[in-house]
Amino acid sequence: MYLAKEEVLTNIGNMYKKPFHLTESVGNNAFSYEKRTNKTLYVPAAIDGIFSDIKRGMEVVFEDFDEKDILRSCTGLQNFVRMTYFPPWEGGIEGGSEIPMIVFDNHNHALYFWYEAREQGIIGRKNTLVHIDEHSDLWENGNSLTPSPSPSEERGVNNVPLLLQKEKGLGDEANIDLEQIFHFTNYECNVGNYIQPAIREGIIGKVLCIEDTVGMERYSSYTGEDHESIILNLDLDFFAPELDYIPFEDKKRIILHFARQAKLITVATSPFFIDQERAIEMLGRVFGFPQS
């Protein structure tokens, strides 16, 4: 057994319950830190919601120089949104199958939400990550992610008293300090290097990279084996203008092919790589969310 979502967020804490700022040369704020006048990036809070709650924010969440050496100050989302996706192949209504989906702006935040989902028992270890993204995000990261329980035996795993641990059946896979994961995600990772630490720690066992038509063709008929746990990790920059040579319906087809098999869907709106209004529109069109 695992902690339910409400218990995770109440007993362990919703690490994204309040927005905050990165002010030092860490995480995404390290990009061109010395060259930038603005040395602060905003990180939104996460809320429970629905598609209509995904809105463009007004705060700068990513800033760097582009290939023309022009500084781009990119606003992201008003809030990150935890939501439930009701697949159309199940009638698209509550009561059918449902898939947890989390939408955020910069892609490194996916790392935290994978561990949050693992804490809830949605996924386990050695998951297959289907990474649909214009970029691989597989840069090496010299920082090590080694989740561990509280050093105090009295507090037990994840600050749950030892007595409650036995009642809840917490085992090794629940042995995660989400506060540590949160810190690592925001201060020791960036948008390009958050996957390698997850592979080394073991929450990710295999990565299928789909960056263009080559990957689409390679994995178009991929079907997970029995008991294979799939995370669909979608970056909406897959719909950036430079990839418009790939028909929308072909992109939609490959995304939904893996959404059908996924236990968890994480979605990045990637403000440095795609206009946020376009990103939100594409998300709605792919998954059939009602457009306003």
Protein backbone atom coordinates (compact mmCIF):
# COMPACT_ATOMS: atom_id res chain seq x y z
CA MET A 1 0.00 0.00 0.00
CA TYR A 2 0.99 3.60 -0.56
CA LEU A 3 -0.12 6.95 0.73
CA ALA A 4 -3.15 8.39 -1.03
CA LYS A 5 -2.76 11.70 -2.82
CA GLU A 6 -4.39 13.63 0.01
CA GLU A 7 -2.12 11.97 2.56
CA VAL A 8 0.97 12.71 0.50
CA LEU A 9 0.09 16.38 0.23
CA THR A 10 -1.05 16.65 3.85
CA ASN A 11 1.39 14.44 5.76
CA ILE A 12 4.46 15.01 3.63
CA GLY A 13 3.58 18.38 2.18
CA ASN A 14 2.80 19.87 -1.18
CA MET A 15 6.21 21.28 -2.00
CA TYR A 16 4.69 23.54 -4.64
CA LYS A 17 1.94 24.91 -2.41
CA LYS A 18 3.36 28.44 -2.69
CA PRO A 19 5.17 30.21 -5.54
CA PHE A 20 8.79 31.14 -4.95
CA HIS A 21 11.79 32.72 -6.70
CA LEU A 22 15.19 31.42 -7.71
CA THR A 23 17.66 34.21 -6.96
CA GLU A 24 21.04 32.49 -7.13
CA SER A 25 22.95 30.84 -9.97
CA VAL A 26 21.20 27.49 -9.56
CA GLY A 27 18.88 25.34 -11.65
CA ASN A 28 17.35 27.15 -14.60
CA ASN A 29 18.53 30.47 -13.17
CA ALA A 30 22.14 29.48 -13.88
CA PHE A 31 21.69 29.99 -17.63
CA SER A 32 23.66 33.14 -18.54
CA TYR A 33 23.35 34.24 -14.92
CA GLU A 34 26.36 36.57 -15.03
CA LYS A 35 25.25 38.22 -18.28
CA ARG A 36 21.65 38.86 -17.26
CA THR A 37 20.48 42.00 -15.50
CA ASN A 38 17.46 40.25 -14.04
CA LYS A 39 18.79 37.47 -11.81
CA THR A 40 15.46 36.16 -10.55
CA LEU A 41 13.13 33.50 -11.92
CA TYR A 42 9.62 32.77 -10.71
CA VAL A 43 8.33 29.27 -9.94
CA PRO A 44 4.51 29.01 -9.74
CA ALA A 45 2.47 27.11 -7.19
CA ALA A 46 0.71 23.84 -8.09
CA ILE A 47 -3.05 23.53 -7.80
CA ASP A 48 -5.62 20.82 -8.37
CA GLY A 49 -7.75 21.78 -11.35
CA ILE A 50 -8.97 21.16 -14.85
CA PHE A 51 -7.83 22.19 -18.32
CA SER A 52 -9.41 25.66 -18.08
CA ASP A 53 -7.16 26.37 -15.08
CA ILE A 54 -4.07 26.19 -17.30
CA LYS A 55 -3.38 29.85 -18.03
CA ARG A 56 -0.45 31.94 -19.09
CA GLY A 57 1.17 33.82 -16.23
CA MET A 58 2.81 37.22 -16.07
CA GLU A 59 6.06 36.31 -14.30
CA VAL A 60 9.38 35.47 -15.97
CA VAL A 61 10.13 31.78 -15.40
CA PHE A 62 13.00 31.34 -17.86
CA GLU A 63 15.52 33.77 -19.29
CA ASP A 64 18.45 33.17 -21.60
CA PHE A 65 20.03 34.34 -24.84
CA ASP A 66 18.85 32.68 -28.05
CA GLU A 67 20.95 31.60 -31.03
CA LYS A 68 21.05 35.23 -32.23
CA ASP A 69 22.37 36.33 -28.83
CA ILE A 70 19.11 38.12 -28.06
CA LEU A 71 17.96 37.95 -24.45
CA ARG A 72 14.54 36.35 -24.15
CA SER A 73 12.56 36.79 -20.95
CA CYS A 74 9.86 34.12 -21.03
CA THR A 75 6.70 34.10 -18.96
CA GLY A 76 5.29 30.71 -18.05
CA LEU A 77 2.12 29.46 -16.41
CA GLN A 78 0.01 31.17 -13.76
CA ASN A 79 -0.08 27.87 -11.85
CA PHE A 80 1.03 24.31 -12.35
CA VAL A 81 -2.08 22.14 -12.59
CA ARG A 82 -2.61 18.63 -11.28
CA MET A 83 -5.58 17.21 -13.16
CA THR A 84 -7.23 13.99 -14.24
CA TYR A 85 -7.45 12.95 -17.86
CA PHE A 86 -10.50 10.90 -18.79
CA PRO A 87 -9.54 9.20 -22.08
CA PRO A 88 -12.04 9.40 -24.96
CA TRP A 89 -11.58 5.66 -25.63
CA GLU A 90 -13.16 5.15 -22.18
CA GLY A 91 -16.03 7.50 -22.93
CA GLY A 92 -14.21 10.56 -21.61
CA ILE A 93 -16.34 10.66 -18.48
CA GLU A 94 -15.77 10.23 -14.78
CA GLY A 95 -16.21 6.62 -13.77
CA GLY A 96 -14.15 5.26 -16.64
CA SER A 97 -10.40 4.89 -16.53
CA GLU A 98 -8.52 8.00 -15.49
CA ILE A 99 -4.91 9.03 -15.89
CA PRO A 100 -3.19 11.55 -13.61
CA MET A 101 -1.78 14.48 -15.61
CA ILE A 102 0.38 17.30 -14.33
CA VAL A 103 1.01 20.41 -16.45
CA PHE A 104 3.88 22.80 -15.65
CA ASP A 105 6.13 25.17 -17.59
CA ASN A 106 9.85 24.28 -17.37
CA HIS A 107 10.45 20.59 -17.99
CA ASN A 108 12.72 19.86 -15.03
CA HIS A 109 9.66 20.01 -12.74
CA ALA A 110 8.63 16.62 -14.17
CA LEU A 111 11.23 15.00 -11.94
CA TYR A 112 9.48 16.05 -8.74
CA PHE A 113 6.05 14.96 -9.96
CA TRP A 114 7.37 11.49 -10.90
CA TYR A 115 8.41 10.99 -7.30
CA GLU A 116 5.18 12.41 -5.99
CA ALA A 117 3.33 9.87 -8.14
CA ARG A 118 5.59 7.09 -6.91
CA GLU A 119 4.77 8.09 -3.35
CA GLN A 120 1.07 7.73 -4.18
CA GLY A 121 1.60 4.28 -5.71
CA ILE A 122 0.66 5.43 -9.21
CA ILE A 123 4.05 4.29 -10.51
CA GLY A 124 6.86 2.23 -9.01
CA ARG A 125 10.51 1.85 -9.97
CA LYS A 126 12.12 1.17 -13.35
CA ASN A 127 9.38 2.93 -15.30
CA THR A 128 9.59 3.32 -19.07
CA LEU A 129 9.78 7.02 -19.90
CA VAL A 130 8.28 7.92 -23.27
CA HIS A 131 9.88 11.29 -23.89
CA ILE A 132 8.13 13.20 -26.69
CA ASP A 133 10.03 16.43 -27.04
CA GLU A 134 11.91 18.52 -29.58
CA HIS A 135 14.97 17.99 -27.32
CA SER A 136 16.33 14.88 -25.62
CA ASP A 137 16.81 16.50 -22.18
CA LEU A 138 19.52 13.88 -21.62
CA TRP A 139 22.38 16.21 -20.75
CA GLU A 140 24.61 14.79 -18.07
CA ASN A 141 24.03 16.07 -14.55
CA GLY A 142 26.94 15.83 -12.14
CA ASN A 143 24.67 16.10 -9.13
CA SER A 144 23.48 12.88 -7.52
CA LEU A 145 19.93 12.12 -6.52
CA THR A 146 19.85 9.65 -3.64
CA PRO A 147 16.48 9.78 -1.87
CA SER A 148 16.65 8.63 1.73
CA PRO A 149 14.39 8.47 4.78
CA SER A 150 14.60 10.83 7.71
CA PRO A 151 17.67 10.13 9.83
CA SER A 152 15.43 10.00 12.90
CA GLU A 153 14.13 6.46 13.42
CA GLU A 154 11.32 7.81 15.53
CA ARG A 155 9.97 9.79 12.60
CA GLY A 156 10.23 6.83 10.24
CA VAL A 157 9.91 6.87 6.44
CA ASN A 158 8.73 10.20 5.05
CA ASN A 159 8.10 11.49 8.58
CA VAL A 160 5.35 8.86 9.05
CA PRO A 161 5.72 7.28 12.53
CA LEU A 162 6.98 3.69 12.47
CA LEU A 163 3.66 2.40 13.78
CA LEU A 164 1.79 4.02 10.92
CA GLN A 165 4.36 2.72 8.46
CA LYS A 166 3.44 -0.84 9.37
CA GLU A 167 -0.27 -0.05 9.15
CA LYS A 168 0.17 1.53 5.73
CA GLY A 169 2.58 -1.14 4.51
CA LEU A 170 5.27 1.34 3.47
CA GLY A 171 8.26 -0.34 1.89
CA ASP A 172 11.43 0.61 0.07
CA GLU A 173 9.64 2.27 -2.82
CA ALA A 174 8.00 4.73 -0.41
CA ASN A 175 11.40 5.53 1.07
CA ILE A 176 11.53 8.98 -0.47
CA ASP A 177 12.07 12.41 0.97
CA LEU A 178 9.95 14.62 -1.27
CA GLU A 179 11.47 17.75 0.20
CA GLN A 180 14.88 16.55 -0.97
CA ILE A 181 13.45 15.75 -4.42
CA PHE A 182 11.88 19.20 -4.58
CA HIS A 183 15.18 20.88 -3.74
CA PHE A 184 17.09 18.76 -6.24
CA THR A 185 14.54 19.45 -9.00
CA ASN A 186 14.70 23.22 -8.60
CA TYR A 187 18.26 23.86 -7.46
CA GLU A 188 20.35 21.07 -8.99
CA CYS A 189 18.55 20.40 -12.28
CA ASN A 190 17.63 22.42 -15.33
CA VAL A 191 15.40 21.87 -18.34
CA GLY A 192 18.06 19.78 -20.09
CA ASN A 193 19.51 17.50 -17.41
CA TYR A 194 16.75 16.19 -15.13
CA ILE A 195 16.39 12.70 -16.68
CA GLN A 196 19.86 11.25 -16.11
CA PRO A 197 19.65 11.48 -12.28
CA ALA A 198 16.28 9.69 -12.42
CA ILE A 199 17.85 6.89 -14.47
CA ARG A 200 20.73 6.53 -12.02
CA GLU A 201 18.42 6.49 -8.98
CA GLY A 202 16.17 3.90 -10.61
CA ILE A 203 12.76 5.50 -10.98
CA ILE A 204 13.36 5.43 -14.76
CA GLY A 205 14.48 2.15 -16.25
CA LYS A 206 14.22 2.86 -19.97
CA VAL A 207 13.80 5.95 -22.15
CA LEU A 208 12.10 6.06 -25.55
CA CYS A 209 13.03 9.39 -27.17
CA ILE A 210 10.72 10.79 -29.83
CA GLU A 211 12.08 14.09 -31.16
CA ASP A 212 11.01 13.95 -34.80
CA THR A 213 9.71 11.62 -37.51
CA VAL A 214 12.56 9.15 -36.95
CA GLY A 215 11.45 8.46 -33.40
CA MET A 216 7.80 8.52 -34.39
CA GLU A 217 8.38 5.77 -36.94
CA ARG A 218 10.59 3.75 -34.62
CA TYR A 219 8.03 3.60 -31.81
CA SER A 220 4.72 3.91 -33.65
CA SER A 221 3.76 0.31 -32.85
CA TYR A 222 5.48 0.03 -29.47
CA THR A 223 3.36 -1.78 -26.91
CA GLY A 224 4.50 -2.14 -23.34
CA GLU A 225 4.98 -5.61 -21.95
CA ASP A 226 2.82 -6.97 -19.15
CA HIS A 227 3.42 -5.04 -15.95
CA GLU A 228 5.49 -2.41 -17.79
CA SER A 229 4.81 0.97 -16.22
CA ILE A 230 4.85 3.82 -18.75
CA ILE A 231 5.20 7.54 -18.07
CA LEU A 232 4.30 9.79 -20.98
CA ASN A 233 6.58 12.82 -20.66
CA LEU A 234 5.36 15.34 -23.23
CA ASP A 235 6.94 18.66 -24.09
CA LEU A 236 4.60 20.91 -26.04
CA ASP A 237 7.57 22.33 -27.95
CA PHE A 238 6.89 19.27 -30.11
CA PHE A 239 4.38 21.69 -31.67
CA ALA A 240 6.86 24.54 -32.13
CA PRO A 241 6.71 26.15 -35.62
CA GLU A 242 9.99 24.56 -36.72
CA LEU A 243 8.35 21.14 -36.42
CA ASP A 244 5.29 22.11 -38.44
CA TYR A 245 6.59 19.94 -41.27
CA ILE A 246 5.22 17.02 -39.25
CA PRO A 247 1.41 16.91 -39.66
CA PHE A 248 -0.56 17.64 -36.50
CA GLU A 249 -2.56 14.43 -36.81
CA ASP A 250 0.64 12.37 -36.93
CA LYS A 251 1.87 14.00 -33.72
CA LYS A 252 -1.49 13.52 -32.07
CA ARG A 253 -1.54 9.87 -33.08
CA ILE A 254 1.82 9.02 -31.50
CA ILE A 255 1.01 10.97 -28.32
CA LEU A 256 -2.33 9.24 -27.83
CA HIS A 257 -0.77 5.86 -28.68
CA PHE A 258 1.32 6.20 -25.54
CA ALA A 259 -1.32 8.03 -23.51
CA ARG A 260 -3.43 4.87 -23.81
CA GLN A 261 -0.66 2.91 -22.14
CA ALA A 262 0.47 5.48 -19.57
CA LYS A 263 0.02 5.37 -15.83
CA LEU A 264 1.10 9.00 -15.55
CA ILE A 265 1.31 11.94 -17.97
CA THR A 266 3.65 14.88 -17.32
CA VAL A 267 3.39 17.87 -19.64
CA ALA A 268 5.77 20.82 -20.04
CA THR A 269 4.75 24.04 -21.81
CA SER A 270 8.45 25.06 -22.25
CA PRO A 271 8.17 28.86 -22.57
CA PHE A 272 11.66 29.33 -24.04
CA PHE A 273 10.79 27.08 -26.99
CA ILE A 274 7.12 27.71 -27.76
CA ASP A 275 4.59 30.48 -27.27
CA GLN A 276 2.51 29.60 -24.22
CA GLU A 277 -0.86 30.32 -25.79
CA ARG A 278 0.03 27.99 -28.66
CA ALA A 279 1.24 25.35 -26.22
CA ILE A 280 -2.00 25.42 -24.24
CA GLU A 281 -4.05 25.31 -27.44
CA MET A 282 -2.11 22.27 -28.72
CA LEU A 283 -2.58 20.47 -25.42
CA GLY A 284 -6.32 20.98 -25.66
CA ARG A 285 -6.49 19.84 -29.27
CA VAL A 286 -4.45 16.69 -28.71
CA PHE A 287 -6.33 15.48 -25.65
CA GLY A 288 -9.76 16.78 -26.61
CA PHE A 289 -10.10 19.26 -23.79
CA PRO A 290 -12.85 21.87 -24.39
CA GLN A 291 -11.43 25.10 -25.79
CA SER A 292 -12.75 28.41 -24.49
